[in-house]
Amino acid sequence: MKDYNDTMTPEQARQFRDDVLSIVSQIPPGRVTTYGIIAVWAGWPSHARMVGHTLRYTPEAHNLPCHRVVNKDGRTAPGWLQHRLLLQDEGVHFRPNGNVDMTMHLWKPDFP
């Protein structure tokens, strides 16, 4: 059973969007983080998918390093062929299974 509220008000949704964009803007080159980590730091741990929707459908996100966000296993976004290339250009290593080597490149935000 969840011990937190799972439904957002419109104001909370706007704050979530702003928090997601702020966190993504801070991911350093050569590092990655996950949709789930971003959701936790934005205060909505069950909203990893909403992080992905936010990055895909928010115009301001196109100016951010969204390519530095992968799933919890290090998989890149399906259908986004440049995702892997952008990460490789920053020196990110991939495992033989095609996933980012998370032990080398995982970044967790250092927020209070």
Protein backbone atom coordinates (compact mmCIF):
# COMPACT_ATOMS: atom_id res chain seq x y z
CA MET A 1 0.00 0.00 0.00
CA LYS A 2 1.27 3.45 -0.91
CA ASP A 3 1.93 5.85 1.93
CA TYR A 4 1.82 8.94 -0.28
CA ASN A 5 -0.71 10.75 -2.44
CA ASP A 6 -0.69 9.52 -6.04
CA THR A 7 -2.93 12.19 -7.63
CA MET A 8 -1.67 15.62 -8.67
CA THR A 9 -3.52 18.89 -8.68
CA PRO A 10 -2.86 21.17 -11.67
CA GLU A 11 -0.49 23.25 -9.52
CA GLN A 12 1.38 20.13 -8.41
CA ALA A 13 1.64 19.02 -12.05
CA ARG A 14 3.19 22.38 -12.98
CA GLN A 15 5.62 22.12 -10.07
CA PHE A 16 6.48 18.55 -11.07
CA ARG A 17 7.23 19.70 -14.62
CA ASP A 18 9.44 22.51 -13.35
CA ASP A 19 11.27 20.16 -10.97
CA VAL A 20 11.83 17.57 -13.70
CA LEU A 21 13.25 20.18 -16.07
CA SER A 22 15.48 21.59 -13.32
CA ILE A 23 16.88 18.18 -12.43
CA VAL A 24 17.52 17.21 -16.06
CA SER A 25 19.31 20.52 -16.68
CA GLN A 26 21.85 19.55 -14.01
CA ILE A 27 22.89 16.13 -15.33
CA PRO A 28 26.58 16.46 -16.20
CA PRO A 29 28.04 15.33 -19.53
CA GLY A 30 29.12 11.70 -19.51
CA ARG A 31 26.60 10.78 -16.82
CA VAL A 32 23.03 9.49 -16.89
CA THR A 33 20.15 9.24 -14.48
CA THR A 34 16.85 7.41 -14.60
CA TYR A 35 13.24 8.40 -14.97
CA GLY A 36 12.60 6.86 -11.55
CA ILE A 37 15.35 8.80 -9.79
CA ILE A 38 14.02 12.03 -11.27
CA ALA A 39 10.49 11.15 -10.14
CA VAL A 40 11.72 10.50 -6.58
CA TRP A 41 13.64 13.77 -6.44
CA ALA A 42 10.64 15.62 -7.83
CA GLY A 43 8.60 14.23 -4.93
CA TRP A 44 6.44 11.77 -6.89
CA PRO A 45 8.14 8.36 -6.69
CA SER A 46 5.46 6.50 -8.64
CA HIS A 47 5.57 8.90 -11.60
CA ALA A 48 8.60 7.72 -13.60
CA ARG A 49 6.48 7.46 -16.75
CA MET A 50 5.28 11.00 -16.25
CA VAL A 51 8.92 12.11 -16.26
CA GLY A 52 9.23 10.63 -19.74
CA HIS A 53 6.02 12.30 -20.90
CA THR A 54 7.22 15.61 -19.47
CA LEU A 55 10.49 15.39 -21.36
CA ARG A 56 8.79 14.39 -24.58
CA TYR A 57 5.92 16.87 -24.58
CA THR A 58 7.31 20.00 -22.90
CA PRO A 59 8.77 22.37 -25.50
CA GLU A 60 11.37 23.73 -23.06
CA ALA A 61 12.81 20.22 -22.65
CA HIS A 62 14.20 20.31 -26.19
CA ASN A 63 16.95 22.63 -24.94
CA LEU A 64 17.95 20.25 -22.13
CA PRO A 65 20.21 17.18 -22.10
CA CYS A 66 17.27 14.76 -22.16
CA HIS A 67 19.52 12.17 -23.79
CA ARG A 68 21.13 11.72 -20.36
CA VAL A 69 17.95 10.09 -19.02
CA VAL A 70 17.57 6.31 -19.41
CA ASN A 71 15.45 3.64 -17.79
CA LYS A 72 16.50 1.87 -14.57
CA ASP A 73 18.34 -0.83 -16.52
CA GLY A 74 20.25 1.70 -18.63
CA ARG A 75 18.17 1.20 -21.76
CA THR A 76 17.85 4.09 -24.13
CA ALA A 77 14.49 5.31 -25.41
CA PRO A 78 12.95 3.02 -28.02
CA GLY A 79 12.59 4.66 -31.39
CA TRP A 80 15.10 7.42 -30.64
CA LEU A 81 18.05 6.28 -32.73
CA GLN A 82 20.30 9.21 -31.78
CA HIS A 83 19.97 8.56 -28.05
CA ARG A 84 22.87 6.09 -27.93
CA LEU A 85 25.01 8.19 -30.30
CA LEU A 86 24.61 11.32 -28.18
CA LEU A 87 25.66 9.42 -25.07
CA GLN A 88 28.61 7.79 -26.82
CA ASP A 89 29.76 11.24 -27.98
CA GLU A 90 29.98 12.17 -24.28
CA GLY A 91 32.05 9.10 -23.44
CA VAL A 92 29.27 6.96 -21.97
CA HIS A 93 30.10 3.24 -22.13
CA PHE A 94 27.60 0.55 -23.01
CA ARG A 95 27.47 -3.03 -21.83
CA PRO A 96 27.39 -5.93 -24.32
CA ASN A 97 23.58 -6.06 -23.97
CA GLY A 98 23.34 -2.50 -25.35
CA ASN A 99 22.48 -0.82 -22.04
CA VAL A 100 24.43 2.02 -20.44
CA ASP A 101 26.97 0.80 -17.91
CA MET A 102 25.14 2.23 -14.91
CA THR A 103 27.94 1.39 -12.46
CA MET A 104 30.20 3.81 -14.34
CA HIS A 105 27.80 6.54 -15.38
CA LEU A 106 24.84 6.80 -12.97
CA TRP A 107 24.33 10.29 -11.55
CA LYS A 108 22.10 11.00 -8.61
CA PRO A 109 21.20 14.63 -7.87
CA ASP A 110 22.66 16.06 -4.71
CA PHE A 111 19.59 17.82 -3.36
CA PRO A 112 18.72 18.49 0.27
